[in-house]
């Protein structure tokens, strides 16, 4: 039986459709990192509530191989821009990706959900009370649930806000599995 691991809230800029899907694709695969500024400003202006902000921002990590090939981690860049604009510190290495992590952008929804995501490990960092976990897109939620599970194993009372730029339609996704 799979335990559902929940975030306290999720804030999304918009559905993963035009123009958000195009911007994220350009950032990830065409090195158009400047579009992170557009997404982060849009997120702050149109999606983010102005109250109850977290004390730190944690970007969703990527594998060392993906970061090396691409030269950057999109959620890290988004987190830096959000943190700077909101005056919230960034904890870039609070979550780590294990050596067995593989790319999943080419996988079907079913394979993404079935994929083992036990590769996130909380590092030895100070205990926190409220964090924002930032990602560029949530497709099935399985990667996000795995990251939340790792954070909660280290700190069960941690309040976790999920901030993402795009989310696929909820077709086949149980929204309560994230909140």
Foldseek 3Di string as FASTA:
>chain_A
DDDQFAALEEWELEACDPPLVVLVCCVQPVVPLVCLLVLLVSCVVPIDDPPDDFQEEEEQDDAPVSCVVSVHANSVSNRVNNCVVVVHYYDHPQKDFAPPDDDPPPPDLVCVQVDDQLGIAGDPDDDGAEYEYEDAEAEACNNVRNNSVRNCVVPVNHRYYYYYHHYHDCVVHDVRSHD
